[in-house]
């Protein structure tokens, strides 16, 4: 329920994916460029905000602590 203790996140945190290899094997290519995609996504988010934002869902100190654990790995 929260990222730091989430069993799926902890199971896969050490995986490394090789995006170019996957893209080559699957013959995947971007349909929209990064810049246009981000602009489109941001425009959609601004036009479709959630009706209610429950700030109790957010635990920024826990997220920061989890992120710090990843930064400390060699």
PDB file of N, CA and C in Angstrom:
ATOM      1  N   UNK A   1       0.814  -1.184   0.000  1.00  0.00           N
ATOM      2  CA  UNK A   1       0.000   0.000   0.000  1.00  0.00           C
ATOM      3  C   UNK A   1       0.854   1.243   0.000  1.00  0.00           C
ATOM      4  N   UNK A   2       2.016   1.200   0.543  1.00  0.00           N
ATOM      5  CA  UNK A   2       2.929   2.346   0.431  1.00  0.00           C
ATOM      6  C   UNK A   2       4.236   1.831  -0.185  1.00  0.00           C
ATOM      7  N   UNK A   3       4.815   2.595  -1.046  1.00  0.00           N
ATOM      8  CA  UNK A   3       5.973   2.144  -1.823  1.00  0.00           C
ATOM      9  C   UNK A   3       7.104   1.539  -0.983  1.00  0.00           C
ATOM     10  N   UNK A   4       7.514   2.159   0.127  1.00  0.00           N
ATOM     11  CA  UNK A   4       8.654   1.588   0.855  1.00  0.00           C
ATOM     12  C   UNK A   4       8.448   0.166   1.336  1.00  0.00           C
ATOM     13  N   UNK A   5       7.204  -0.210   1.646  1.00  0.00           N
ATOM     14  CA  UNK A   5       6.952  -1.549   2.172  1.00  0.00           C
ATOM     15  C   UNK A   5       6.251  -2.451   1.170  1.00  0.00           C
ATOM     16  N   UNK A   6       6.090  -1.985  -0.043  1.00  0.00           N
ATOM     17  CA  UNK A   6       5.314  -2.725  -1.030  1.00  0.00           C
ATOM     18  C   UNK A   6       6.086  -3.976  -1.461  1.00  0.00           C
ATOM     19  N   UNK A   7       5.485  -5.175  -1.322  1.00  0.00           N
ATOM     20  CA  UNK A   7       6.213  -6.414  -1.630  1.00  0.00           C
ATOM     21  C   UNK A   7       6.628  -6.534  -3.089  1.00  0.00           C
ATOM     22  N   UNK A   8       5.827  -6.050  -4.005  1.00  0.00           N
ATOM     23  CA  UNK A   8       6.192  -6.142  -5.420  1.00  0.00           C
ATOM     24  C   UNK A   8       7.373  -5.234  -5.715  1.00  0.00           C
ATOM     25  N   UNK A   9       7.345  -4.021  -5.191  1.00  0.00           N
ATOM     26  CA  UNK A   9       8.441  -3.083  -5.422  1.00  0.00           C
ATOM     27  C   UNK A   9       9.754  -3.629  -4.874  1.00  0.00           C
ATOM     28  N   UNK A  10       9.721  -4.205  -3.681  1.00  0.00           N
ATOM     29  CA  UNK A  10      10.963  -4.713  -3.104  1.00  0.00           C
ATOM     30  C   UNK A  10      11.471  -5.934  -3.853  1.00  0.00           C
ATOM     31  N   UNK A  11      10.570  -6.724  -4.446  1.00  0.00           N
ATOM     32  CA  UNK A  11      10.974  -7.911  -5.191  1.00  0.00           C
ATOM     33  C   UNK A  11      11.720  -7.549  -6.473  1.00  0.00           C
ATOM     34  N   UNK A  12      11.345  -6.460  -7.101  1.00  0.00           N
ATOM     35  CA  UNK A  12      11.906  -6.113  -8.400  1.00  0.00           C
ATOM     36  C   UNK A  12      12.881  -4.945  -8.358  1.00  0.00           C
ATOM     37  N   UNK A  13      13.227  -4.455  -7.199  1.00  0.00           N
ATOM     38  CA  UNK A  13      14.047  -3.257  -7.119  1.00  0.00           C
ATOM     39  C   UNK A  13      15.465  -3.446  -7.668  1.00  0.00           C
ATOM     40  N   UNK A  14      15.960  -4.652  -7.720  1.00  0.00           N
ATOM     41  CA  UNK A  14      17.324  -4.869  -8.193  1.00  0.00           C
ATOM     42  C   UNK A  14      17.388  -5.284  -9.660  1.00  0.00           C
ATOM     43  N   UNK A  15      16.263  -5.305 -10.348  1.00  0.00           N
ATOM     44  CA  UNK A  15      16.255  -5.661 -11.753  1.00  0.00           C
ATOM     45  C   UNK A  15      16.820  -4.529 -12.593  1.00  0.00           C
ATOM     46  N   UNK A  16      17.536  -4.890 -13.622  1.00  0.00           N
ATOM     47  CA  UNK A  16      18.023  -3.916 -14.587  1.00  0.00           C
ATOM     48  C   UNK A  16      17.483  -4.318 -15.952  1.00  0.00           C
ATOM     49  N   UNK A  17      16.897  -3.361 -16.632  1.00  0.00           N
ATOM     50  CA  UNK A  17      16.352  -3.634 -17.958  1.00  0.00           C
ATOM     51  C   UNK A  17      17.225  -2.965 -19.012  1.00  0.00           C
ATOM     52  N   UNK A  18      17.399  -3.633 -20.124  1.00  0.00           N
ATOM     53  CA  UNK A  18      18.170  -3.092 -21.235  1.00  0.00           C
ATOM     54  C   UNK A  18      17.177  -2.637 -22.302  1.00  0.00           C
ATOM     55  N   UNK A  19      16.759  -1.378 -22.225  1.00  0.00           N
ATOM     56  CA  UNK A  19      15.729  -0.864 -23.123  1.00  0.00           C
ATOM     57  C   UNK A  19      16.101  -0.987 -24.602  1.00  0.00           C
ATOM     58  N   UNK A  20      17.326  -0.639 -25.022  1.00  0.00           N
ATOM     59  CA  UNK A  20      17.638  -0.783 -26.443  1.00  0.00           C
ATOM     60  C   UNK A  20      17.506  -2.228 -26.944  1.00  0.00           C
ATOM     61  N   UNK A  21      17.908  -3.188 -26.119  1.00  0.00           N
ATOM     62  CA  UNK A  21      17.800  -4.588 -26.506  1.00  0.00           C
ATOM     63  C   UNK A  21      16.335  -5.005 -26.643  1.00  0.00           C
ATOM     64  N   UNK A  22      15.526  -4.600 -25.680  1.00  0.00           N
ATOM     65  CA  UNK A  22      14.102  -4.938 -25.728  1.00  0.00           C
ATOM     66  C   UNK A  22      13.456  -4.293 -26.946  1.00  0.00           C
ATOM     67  N   UNK A  23      13.779  -3.031 -27.198  1.00  0.00           N
ATOM     68  CA  UNK A  23      13.209  -2.328 -28.350  1.00  0.00           C
ATOM     69  C   UNK A  23      13.599  -3.022 -29.655  1.00  0.00           C
ATOM     70  N   UNK A  24      14.844  -3.459 -29.755  1.00  0.00           N
ATOM     71  CA  UNK A  24      15.303  -4.136 -30.967  1.00  0.00           C
ATOM     72  C   UNK A  24      14.585  -5.473 -31.143  1.00  0.00           C
ATOM     73  N   UNK A  25      14.537  -6.250 -30.079  1.00  0.00           N
ATOM     74  CA  UNK A  25      13.915  -7.572 -30.156  1.00  0.00           C
ATOM     75  C   UNK A  25      12.422  -7.487 -30.464  1.00  0.00           C
ATOM     76  N   UNK A  26      11.761  -6.481 -29.908  1.00  0.00           N
ATOM     77  CA  UNK A  26      10.321  -6.339 -30.120  1.00  0.00           C
ATOM     78  C   UNK A  26       9.987  -5.424 -31.299  1.00  0.00           C
ATOM     79  N   UNK A  27      11.028  -4.883 -31.919  1.00  0.00           N
ATOM     80  CA  UNK A  27      10.852  -3.932 -33.023  1.00  0.00           C
ATOM     81  C   UNK A  27       9.942  -2.782 -32.619  1.00  0.00           C
ATOM     82  N   UNK A  28      10.231  -2.239 -31.426  1.00  0.00           N
ATOM     83  CA  UNK A  28       9.413  -1.162 -30.876  1.00  0.00           C
ATOM     84  C   UNK A  28      10.042   0.180 -31.202  1.00  0.00           C
ATOM     85  N   UNK A  29       9.226   1.118 -31.585  1.00  0.00           N
ATOM     86  CA  UNK A  29       9.666   2.481 -31.814  1.00  0.00           C
ATOM     87  C   UNK A  29       8.641   3.451 -31.264  1.00  0.00           C
ATOM     88  N   UNK A  30       9.092   4.589 -30.833  1.00  0.00           N
ATOM     89  CA  UNK A  30       8.185   5.593 -30.280  1.00  0.00           C
ATOM     90  C   UNK A  30       7.276   6.133 -31.378  1.00  0.00           C
ATOM     91  N   UNK A  31       5.998   6.241 -31.077  1.00  0.00           N
ATOM     92  CA  UNK A  31       5.039   6.806 -32.022  1.00  0.00           C
ATOM     93  C   UNK A  31       5.073   8.326 -31.934  1.00  0.00           C
ATOM     94  N   UNK A  32       5.304   8.821 -30.735  1.00  0.00           N
ATOM     95  CA  UNK A  32       5.355  10.255 -30.475  1.00  0.00           C
ATOM     96  C   UNK A  32       6.685  10.542 -29.796  1.00  0.00           C
ATOM     97  N   UNK A  33       7.314  11.634 -30.146  1.00  0.00           N
ATOM     98  CA  UNK A  33       8.573  12.012 -29.517  1.00  0.00           C
ATOM     99  C   UNK A  33       8.382  12.349 -28.043  1.00  0.00           C
ATOM    100  N   UNK A  34       9.477  12.312 -27.301  1.00  0.00           N
ATOM    101  CA  UNK A  34       9.434  12.565 -25.854  1.00  0.00           C
ATOM    102  C   UNK A  34       8.834  13.931 -25.538  1.00  0.00           C
ATOM    103  N   UNK A  35       9.305  14.970 -26.203  1.00  0.00           N
ATOM    104  CA  UNK A  35       8.838  16.328 -25.913  1.00  0.00           C
ATOM    105  C   UNK A  35       7.339  16.461 -26.178  1.00  0.00           C
ATOM    106  N   UNK A  36       6.888  15.989 -27.341  1.00  0.00           N
ATOM    107  CA  UNK A  36       5.456  16.073 -27.673  1.00  0.00           C
ATOM    108  C   UNK A  36       4.626  15.198 -26.743  1.00  0.00           C
ATOM    109  N   UNK A  37       5.146  14.044 -26.385  1.00  0.00           N
ATOM    110  CA  UNK A  37       4.433  13.160 -25.474  1.00  0.00           C
ATOM    111  C   UNK A  37       4.249  13.778 -24.097  1.00  0.00           C
ATOM    112  N   UNK A  38       5.309  14.398 -23.579  1.00  0.00           N
ATOM    113  CA  UNK A  38       5.214  15.052 -22.276  1.00  0.00           C
ATOM    114  C   UNK A  38       4.250  16.229 -22.313  1.00  0.00           C
ATOM    115  N   UNK A  39       4.306  17.000 -23.401  1.00  0.00           N
ATOM    116  CA  UNK A  39       3.385  18.136 -23.532  1.00  0.00           C
ATOM    117  C   UNK A  39       1.940  17.654 -23.572  1.00  0.00           C
ATOM    118  N   UNK A  40       1.699  16.597 -24.315  1.00  0.00           N
ATOM    119  CA  UNK A  40       0.349  16.042 -24.431  1.00  0.00           C
ATOM    120  C   UNK A  40      -0.137  15.484 -23.098  1.00  0.00           C
ATOM    121  N   UNK A  41       0.728  14.762 -22.406  1.00  0.00           N
ATOM    122  CA  UNK A  41       0.361  14.182 -21.113  1.00  0.00           C
ATOM    123  C   UNK A  41       0.076  15.284 -20.086  1.00  0.00           C
ATOM    124  N   UNK A  42       0.920  16.309 -20.059  1.00  0.00           N
ATOM    125  CA  UNK A  42       0.711  17.417 -19.114  1.00  0.00           C
ATOM    126  C   UNK A  42      -0.595  18.144 -19.416  1.00  0.00           C
ATOM    127  N   UNK A  43      -0.882  18.359 -20.692  1.00  0.00           N
ATOM    128  CA  UNK A  43      -2.129  19.030 -21.076  1.00  0.00           C
ATOM    129  C   UNK A  43      -3.330  18.197 -20.638  1.00  0.00           C
ATOM    130  N   UNK A  44      -3.257  16.879 -20.818  1.00  0.00           N
ATOM    131  CA  UNK A  44      -4.364  16.010 -20.418  1.00  0.00           C
ATOM    132  C   UNK A  44      -4.551  16.056 -18.900  1.00  0.00           C
ATOM    133  N   UNK A  45      -3.450  15.965 -18.155  1.00  0.00           N
ATOM    134  CA  UNK A  45      -3.537  15.998 -16.690  1.00  0.00           C
ATOM    135  C   UNK A  45      -4.165  17.301 -16.207  1.00  0.00           C
ATOM    136  N   UNK A  46      -3.773  18.421 -16.815  1.00  0.00           N
ATOM    137  CA  UNK A  46      -4.334  19.708 -16.419  1.00  0.00           C
ATOM    138  C   UNK A  46      -5.821  19.802 -16.761  1.00  0.00           C
ATOM    139  N   UNK A  47      -6.224  19.207 -17.868  1.00  0.00           N
ATOM    140  CA  UNK A  47      -7.622  19.247 -18.299  1.00  0.00           C
ATOM    141  C   UNK A  47      -8.498  18.235 -17.558  1.00  0.00           C
ATOM    142  N   UNK A  48      -7.882  17.248 -16.903  1.00  0.00           N
ATOM    143  CA  UNK A  48      -8.635  16.173 -16.239  1.00  0.00           C
ATOM    144  C   UNK A  48      -8.151  15.933 -14.813  1.00  0.00           C
ATOM    145  N   UNK A  49      -8.213  16.951 -13.968  1.00  0.00           N
ATOM    146  CA  UNK A  49      -7.743  16.742 -12.593  1.00  0.00           C
ATOM    147  C   UNK A  49      -8.673  15.789 -11.844  1.00  0.00           C
ATOM    148  N   UNK A  50      -8.144  15.093 -10.844  1.00  0.00           N
ATOM    149  CA  UNK A  50      -9.015  14.226 -10.054  1.00  0.00           C
ATOM    150  C   UNK A  50     -10.026  15.086  -9.299  1.00  0.00           C
ATOM    151  N   UNK A  51     -11.242  14.565  -9.086  1.00  0.00           N
ATOM    152  CA  UNK A  51     -12.262  15.363  -8.406  1.00  0.00           C
ATOM    153  C   UNK A  51     -11.892  15.679  -6.958  1.00  0.00           C
ATOM    154  N   UNK A  52     -11.191  14.758  -6.315  1.00  0.00           N
ATOM    155  CA  UNK A  52     -10.783  14.949  -4.921  1.00  0.00           C
ATOM    156  C   UNK A  52      -9.362  14.426  -4.780  1.00  0.00           C
ATOM    157  N   UNK A  53      -8.547  15.166  -4.072  1.00  0.00           N
ATOM    158  CA  UNK A  53      -7.183  14.712  -3.792  1.00  0.00           C
ATOM    159  C   UNK A  53      -7.077  14.454  -2.296  1.00  0.00           C
ATOM    160  N   UNK A  54      -6.840  13.205  -1.951  1.00  0.00           N
ATOM    161  CA  UNK A  54      -6.704  12.820  -0.550  1.00  0.00           C
ATOM    162  C   UNK A  54      -5.226  12.908  -0.182  1.00  0.00           C
ATOM    163  N   UNK A  55      -4.846  13.989   0.473  1.00  0.00           N
ATOM    164  CA  UNK A  55      -3.431  14.194   0.809  1.00  0.00           C
ATOM    165  C   UNK A  55      -2.926  13.171   1.823  1.00  0.00           C
ATOM    166  N   UNK A  56      -3.824  12.448   2.491  1.00  0.00           N
ATOM    167  CA  UNK A  56      -3.398  11.416   3.436  1.00  0.00           C
ATOM    168  C   UNK A  56      -2.746  10.240   2.711  1.00  0.00           C
ATOM    169  N   UNK A  57      -2.960  10.141   1.392  1.00  0.00           N
ATOM    170  CA  UNK A  57      -2.343   9.064   0.608  1.00  0.00           C
ATOM    171  C   UNK A  57      -0.842   9.270   0.433  1.00  0.00           C
ATOM    172  N   UNK A  58      -0.370  10.474   0.634  1.00  0.00           N
ATOM    173  CA  UNK A  58       1.014  10.802   0.336  1.00  0.00           C
ATOM    174  C   UNK A  58       1.856  10.810   1.600  1.00  0.00           C
ATOM    175  N   UNK A  59       2.978  10.117   1.539  1.00  0.00           N
ATOM    176  CA  UNK A  59       3.912  10.066   2.661  1.00  0.00           C
ATOM    177  C   UNK A  59       5.293  10.403   2.102  1.00  0.00           C
ATOM    178  N   UNK A  60       5.509  11.690   1.885  1.00  0.00           N
ATOM    179  CA  UNK A  60       6.750  12.120   1.248  1.00  0.00           C
ATOM    180  C   UNK A  60       8.003  11.768   2.045  1.00  0.00           C
ATOM    181  N   UNK A  61       7.991  11.863   3.370  1.00  0.00           N
ATOM    182  CA  UNK A  61       9.192  11.440   4.107  1.00  0.00           C
ATOM    183  C   UNK A  61       9.535   9.959   3.855  1.00  0.00           C
ATOM    184  N   UNK A  62       8.526   9.096   3.769  1.00  0.00           N
ATOM    185  CA  UNK A  62       8.786   7.683   3.499  1.00  0.00           C
ATOM    186  C   UNK A  62       9.336   7.491   2.092  1.00  0.00           C
ATOM    187  N   UNK A  63       8.804   8.238   1.124  1.00  0.00           N
ATOM    188  CA  UNK A  63       9.313   8.156  -0.246  1.00  0.00           C
ATOM    189  C   UNK A  63      10.768   8.629  -0.307  1.00  0.00           C
ATOM    190  N   UNK A  64      11.058   9.729   0.382  1.00  0.00           N
ATOM    191  CA  UNK A  64      12.426  10.248   0.403  1.00  0.00           C
ATOM    192  C   UNK A  64      13.384   9.241   1.027  1.00  0.00           C
ATOM    193  N   UNK A  65      12.954   8.597   2.109  1.00  0.00           N
ATOM    194  CA  UNK A  65      13.808   7.601   2.774  1.00  0.00           C
ATOM    195  C   UNK A  65      14.063   6.418   1.845  1.00  0.00           C
ATOM    196  N   UNK A  66      13.029   5.980   1.132  1.00  0.00           N
ATOM    197  CA  UNK A  66      13.197   4.858   0.201  1.00  0.00           C
ATOM    198  C   UNK A  66      14.142   5.242  -0.930  1.00  0.00           C
ATOM    199  N   UNK A  67      13.972   6.431  -1.466  1.00  0.00           N
ATOM    200  CA  UNK A  67      14.837   6.903  -2.547  1.00  0.00           C
ATOM    201  C   UNK A  67      16.286   6.971  -2.073  1.00  0.00           C
ATOM    202  N   UNK A  68      16.495   7.413  -0.849  1.00  0.00           N
ATOM    203  CA  UNK A  68      17.849   7.497  -0.295  1.00  0.00           C
ATOM    204  C   UNK A  68      18.509   6.124  -0.247  1.00  0.00           C
ATOM    205  N   UNK A  69      17.740   5.069   0.003  1.00  0.00           N
ATOM    206  CA  UNK A  69      18.302   3.719   0.019  1.00  0.00           C
ATOM    207  C   UNK A  69      18.860   3.341  -1.348  1.00  0.00           C
ATOM    208  N   UNK A  70      18.182   3.737  -2.404  1.00  0.00           N
ATOM    209  CA  UNK A  70      18.655   3.427  -3.754  1.00  0.00           C
ATOM    210  C   UNK A  70      19.909   4.234  -4.085  1.00  0.00           C
ATOM    211  N   UNK A  71      19.979   5.446  -3.575  1.00  0.00           N
ATOM    212  CA  UNK A  71      21.135   6.301  -3.855  1.00  0.00           C
ATOM    213  C   UNK A  71      22.398   5.806  -3.156  1.00  0.00           C
ATOM    214  N   UNK A  72      22.248   5.097  -2.066  1.00  0.00           N
ATOM    215  CA  UNK A  72      23.394   4.633  -1.300  1.00  0.00           C
ATOM    216  C   UNK A  72      24.035   3.375  -1.867  1.00  0.00           C
ATOM    217  N   UNK A  73      23.333   2.655  -2.757  1.00  0.00           N
ATOM    218  CA  UNK A  73      23.887   1.424  -3.317  1.00  0.00           C
ATOM    219  C   UNK A  73      25.069   1.741  -4.232  1.00  0.00           C
ATOM    220  N   UNK A  74      26.106   0.895  -4.190  1.00  0.00           N
ATOM    221  CA  UNK A  74      27.277   1.151  -5.058  1.00  0.00           C
ATOM    222  C   UNK A  74      26.971   0.923  -6.532  1.00  0.00           C
TER     223      UNK A  74
END
